Amino acid sequence: MIICHRVMEMISYKPFYDTLFKKGLTEYYLIYKQGFSANTIHRIKHGEAISTKTLDALCFTLDCEVQDIICHIKDA
């Protein structure tokens, strides 16, 4: 895809996986032990949108800040 004269912006979930790794947790833990839906984890894995309610629940469960789950990437 070619986009001319436009800045592409996106949200990355890389910090989410870094946080899981640092805390020694897995997607399995979030789904089967904490009750997050498999669809939520699928959406994160594929860079799709999640709600702020889900983001808040992840922060609470992982005892972390929003920036430990998502970051904004600007691709010029």
N, C-alpha and C. Protein backbone atom coordinates (compact mmCIF):
# COMPACT_ATOMS: atom_id res chain seq x y z
N MET A 1 0.84 -1.16 0.00
CA MET A 1 0.00 0.00 0.00
C MET A 1 0.89 1.23 0.00
N ILE A 2 0.60 2.20 -0.83
CA ILE A 2 1.36 3.44 -0.90
C ILE A 2 0.47 4.57 -0.38
N ILE A 3 1.02 5.29 0.59
CA ILE A 3 0.29 6.45 1.11
C ILE A 3 1.20 7.65 0.92
N CYS A 4 0.75 8.61 0.16
CA CYS A 4 1.55 9.80 -0.12
C CYS A 4 1.14 10.95 0.78
N HIS A 5 2.13 11.65 1.28
CA HIS A 5 1.92 12.87 2.07
C HIS A 5 1.00 12.64 3.27
N ARG A 6 1.12 11.51 3.86
CA ARG A 6 0.31 11.22 5.03
C ARG A 6 1.17 10.48 6.04
N VAL A 7 0.98 10.82 7.27
CA VAL A 7 1.73 10.15 8.34
C VAL A 7 0.90 9.00 8.85
N MET A 8 1.50 7.81 8.89
CA MET A 8 0.81 6.64 9.42
C MET A 8 1.06 6.60 10.93
N GLU A 9 0.03 6.41 11.68
CA GLU A 9 0.15 6.30 13.13
C GLU A 9 -0.51 5.00 13.56
N MET A 10 0.05 4.40 14.62
CA MET A 10 -0.58 3.19 15.10
C MET A 10 -0.25 2.94 16.56
N ILE A 11 -1.05 2.12 17.15
CA ILE A 11 -0.83 1.69 18.52
C ILE A 11 -0.13 0.33 18.46
N SER A 12 0.91 0.18 19.26
CA SER A 12 1.64 -1.08 19.34
C SER A 12 1.41 -1.71 20.71
N TYR A 13 1.27 -3.03 20.70
CA TYR A 13 1.12 -3.77 21.95
C TYR A 13 2.42 -4.44 22.37
N LYS A 14 3.54 -4.05 21.76
CA LYS A 14 4.82 -4.64 22.14
C LYS A 14 5.09 -4.51 23.65
N PRO A 15 4.79 -3.35 24.25
CA PRO A 15 5.02 -3.26 25.70
C PRO A 15 4.23 -4.30 26.51
N PHE A 16 3.05 -4.69 26.01
CA PHE A 16 2.24 -5.70 26.68
C PHE A 16 3.01 -7.01 26.79
N TYR A 17 3.60 -7.44 25.67
CA TYR A 17 4.35 -8.70 25.69
C TYR A 17 5.64 -8.59 26.49
N ASP A 18 6.26 -7.41 26.46
CA ASP A 18 7.44 -7.19 27.31
C ASP A 18 7.07 -7.29 28.79
N THR A 19 5.93 -6.71 29.14
CA THR A 19 5.45 -6.75 30.53
C THR A 19 5.13 -8.18 30.96
N LEU A 20 4.43 -8.92 30.10
CA LEU A 20 4.14 -10.33 30.42
C LEU A 20 5.44 -11.09 30.68
N PHE A 21 6.43 -10.89 29.81
CA PHE A 21 7.71 -11.58 29.94
C PHE A 21 8.40 -11.22 31.26
N LYS A 22 8.46 -9.92 31.56
CA LYS A 22 9.12 -9.45 32.79
C LYS A 22 8.46 -10.02 34.04
N LYS A 23 7.14 -10.19 33.99
CA LYS A 23 6.40 -10.68 35.15
C LYS A 23 6.28 -12.21 35.15
N GLY A 24 6.82 -12.85 34.11
CA GLY A 24 6.76 -14.31 34.04
C GLY A 24 5.35 -14.84 33.84
N LEU A 25 4.52 -14.08 33.11
CA LEU A 25 3.14 -14.48 32.88
C LEU A 25 2.94 -14.84 31.42
N THR A 26 1.83 -15.53 31.14
CA THR A 26 1.52 -15.97 29.79
C THR A 26 0.11 -15.55 29.38
N GLU A 27 -0.16 -15.68 28.09
CA GLU A 27 -1.52 -15.45 27.61
C GLU A 27 -2.47 -16.47 28.26
N TYR A 28 -2.01 -17.68 28.44
CA TYR A 28 -2.81 -18.72 29.11
C TYR A 28 -3.28 -18.23 30.48
N TYR A 29 -2.38 -17.65 31.23
CA TYR A 29 -2.70 -17.13 32.56
C TYR A 29 -3.83 -16.10 32.47
N LEU A 30 -3.71 -15.18 31.51
CA LEU A 30 -4.73 -14.14 31.39
C LEU A 30 -6.10 -14.71 31.00
N ILE A 31 -6.09 -15.71 30.13
CA ILE A 31 -7.35 -16.29 29.66
C ILE A 31 -7.96 -17.22 30.71
N TYR A 32 -7.19 -18.19 31.17
CA TYR A 32 -7.75 -19.25 32.01
C TYR A 32 -7.71 -18.98 33.51
N LYS A 33 -6.85 -18.07 33.93
CA LYS A 33 -6.77 -17.78 35.36
C LYS A 33 -7.38 -16.43 35.72
N GLN A 34 -7.35 -15.48 34.79
CA GLN A 34 -7.85 -14.13 35.07
C GLN A 34 -9.15 -13.81 34.34
N GLY A 35 -9.58 -14.67 33.43
CA GLY A 35 -10.88 -14.50 32.79
C GLY A 35 -10.94 -13.57 31.59
N PHE A 36 -9.80 -13.19 31.03
CA PHE A 36 -9.83 -12.40 29.80
C PHE A 36 -10.25 -13.32 28.66
N SER A 37 -10.98 -12.77 27.71
CA SER A 37 -11.44 -13.61 26.60
C SER A 37 -10.29 -13.90 25.64
N ALA A 38 -10.37 -15.06 25.02
CA ALA A 38 -9.38 -15.42 24.01
C ALA A 38 -9.43 -14.43 22.86
N ASN A 39 -10.62 -13.89 22.59
CA ASN A 39 -10.77 -12.90 21.53
C ASN A 39 -9.99 -11.62 21.86
N THR A 40 -9.97 -11.23 23.11
CA THR A 40 -9.20 -10.05 23.52
C THR A 40 -7.72 -10.26 23.25
N ILE A 41 -7.20 -11.41 23.63
CA ILE A 41 -5.79 -11.71 23.41
C ILE A 41 -5.50 -11.79 21.91
N HIS A 42 -6.43 -12.36 21.15
CA HIS A 42 -6.30 -12.43 19.70
C HIS A 42 -6.21 -11.02 19.11
N ARG A 43 -7.07 -10.12 19.58
CA ARG A 43 -7.08 -8.74 19.07
C ARG A 43 -5.76 -8.06 19.37
N ILE A 44 -5.24 -8.26 20.56
CA ILE A 44 -3.95 -7.66 20.93
C ILE A 44 -2.85 -8.23 20.04
N LYS A 45 -2.85 -9.54 19.90
CA LYS A 45 -1.81 -10.22 19.11
C LYS A 45 -1.78 -9.72 17.67
N HIS A 46 -2.94 -9.34 17.14
CA HIS A 46 -3.04 -8.90 15.75
C HIS A 46 -3.11 -7.38 15.61
N GLY A 47 -2.81 -6.66 16.69
CA GLY A 47 -2.75 -5.20 16.63
C GLY A 47 -4.08 -4.52 16.43
N GLU A 48 -5.16 -5.17 16.81
CA GLU A 48 -6.48 -4.59 16.65
C GLU A 48 -6.88 -3.82 17.91
N ALA A 49 -7.92 -3.04 17.80
CA ALA A 49 -8.36 -2.18 18.90
C ALA A 49 -8.93 -2.98 20.07
N ILE A 50 -8.67 -2.50 21.27
CA ILE A 50 -9.33 -3.00 22.47
C ILE A 50 -9.94 -1.80 23.18
N SER A 51 -10.90 -2.03 24.03
CA SER A 51 -11.56 -0.93 24.71
C SER A 51 -10.71 -0.39 25.86
N THR A 52 -11.03 0.82 26.27
CA THR A 52 -10.32 1.39 27.43
C THR A 52 -10.67 0.61 28.69
N LYS A 53 -11.85 0.02 28.73
CA LYS A 53 -12.23 -0.83 29.86
C LYS A 53 -11.31 -2.04 29.94
N THR A 54 -11.03 -2.66 28.80
CA THR A 54 -10.11 -3.80 28.76
C THR A 54 -8.70 -3.36 29.12
N LEU A 55 -8.29 -2.22 28.61
CA LEU A 55 -6.97 -1.67 28.93
C LEU A 55 -6.84 -1.45 30.44
N ASP A 56 -7.88 -0.91 31.04
CA ASP A 56 -7.90 -0.68 32.49
C ASP A 56 -7.81 -2.01 33.24
N ALA A 57 -8.55 -3.02 32.79
CA ALA A 57 -8.53 -4.33 33.44
C ALA A 57 -7.15 -4.98 33.33
N LEU A 58 -6.50 -4.82 32.19
CA LEU A 58 -5.15 -5.36 32.03
C LEU A 58 -4.17 -4.66 32.97
N CYS A 59 -4.28 -3.34 33.07
CA CYS A 59 -3.42 -2.58 33.99
C CYS A 59 -3.62 -3.05 35.42
N PHE A 60 -4.86 -3.25 35.82
CA PHE A 60 -5.16 -3.71 37.18
C PHE A 60 -4.59 -5.11 37.40
N THR A 61 -4.85 -6.01 36.48
CA THR A 61 -4.41 -7.40 36.61
C THR A 61 -2.89 -7.53 36.63
N LEU A 62 -2.24 -6.77 35.75
CA LEU A 62 -0.78 -6.85 35.64
C LEU A 62 -0.07 -5.89 36.59
N ASP A 63 -0.85 -5.09 37.32
CA ASP A 63 -0.28 -4.09 38.25
C ASP A 63 0.75 -3.23 37.52
N CYS A 64 0.28 -2.57 36.45
CA CYS A 64 1.18 -1.77 35.64
C CYS A 64 0.46 -0.52 35.14
N GLU A 65 1.18 0.29 34.40
CA GLU A 65 0.63 1.51 33.82
C GLU A 65 0.26 1.26 32.35
N VAL A 66 -0.52 2.17 31.79
CA VAL A 66 -0.97 2.05 30.41
C VAL A 66 0.22 1.90 29.46
N GLN A 67 1.27 2.67 29.69
CA GLN A 67 2.44 2.60 28.80
C GLN A 67 3.17 1.27 28.89
N ASP A 68 2.83 0.44 29.88
CA ASP A 68 3.38 -0.90 29.97
C ASP A 68 2.60 -1.90 29.12
N ILE A 69 1.52 -1.40 28.48
CA ILE A 69 0.68 -2.25 27.63
C ILE A 69 0.66 -1.78 26.19
N ILE A 70 0.57 -0.47 26.00
CA ILE A 70 0.53 0.07 24.64
C ILE A 70 1.51 1.22 24.48
N CYS A 71 1.87 1.47 23.23
CA CYS A 71 2.63 2.67 22.91
C CYS A 71 2.19 3.14 21.53
N HIS A 72 2.38 4.41 21.28
CA HIS A 72 2.01 5.00 20.00
C HIS A 72 3.24 5.09 19.13
N ILE A 73 3.13 4.59 17.91
CA ILE A 73 4.25 4.64 16.97
C ILE A 73 3.82 5.53 15.80
N LYS A 74 4.64 6.51 15.54
CA LYS A 74 4.40 7.40 14.39
C LYS A 74 5.40 7.03 13.31
N ASP A 75 4.92 6.63 12.17
CA ASP A 75 5.76 6.23 11.05
C ASP A 75 5.66 7.31 9.97
N ALA A 76 6.68 8.10 9.84
CA ALA A 76 6.65 9.21 8.88
C ALA A 76 6.91 8.75 7.47
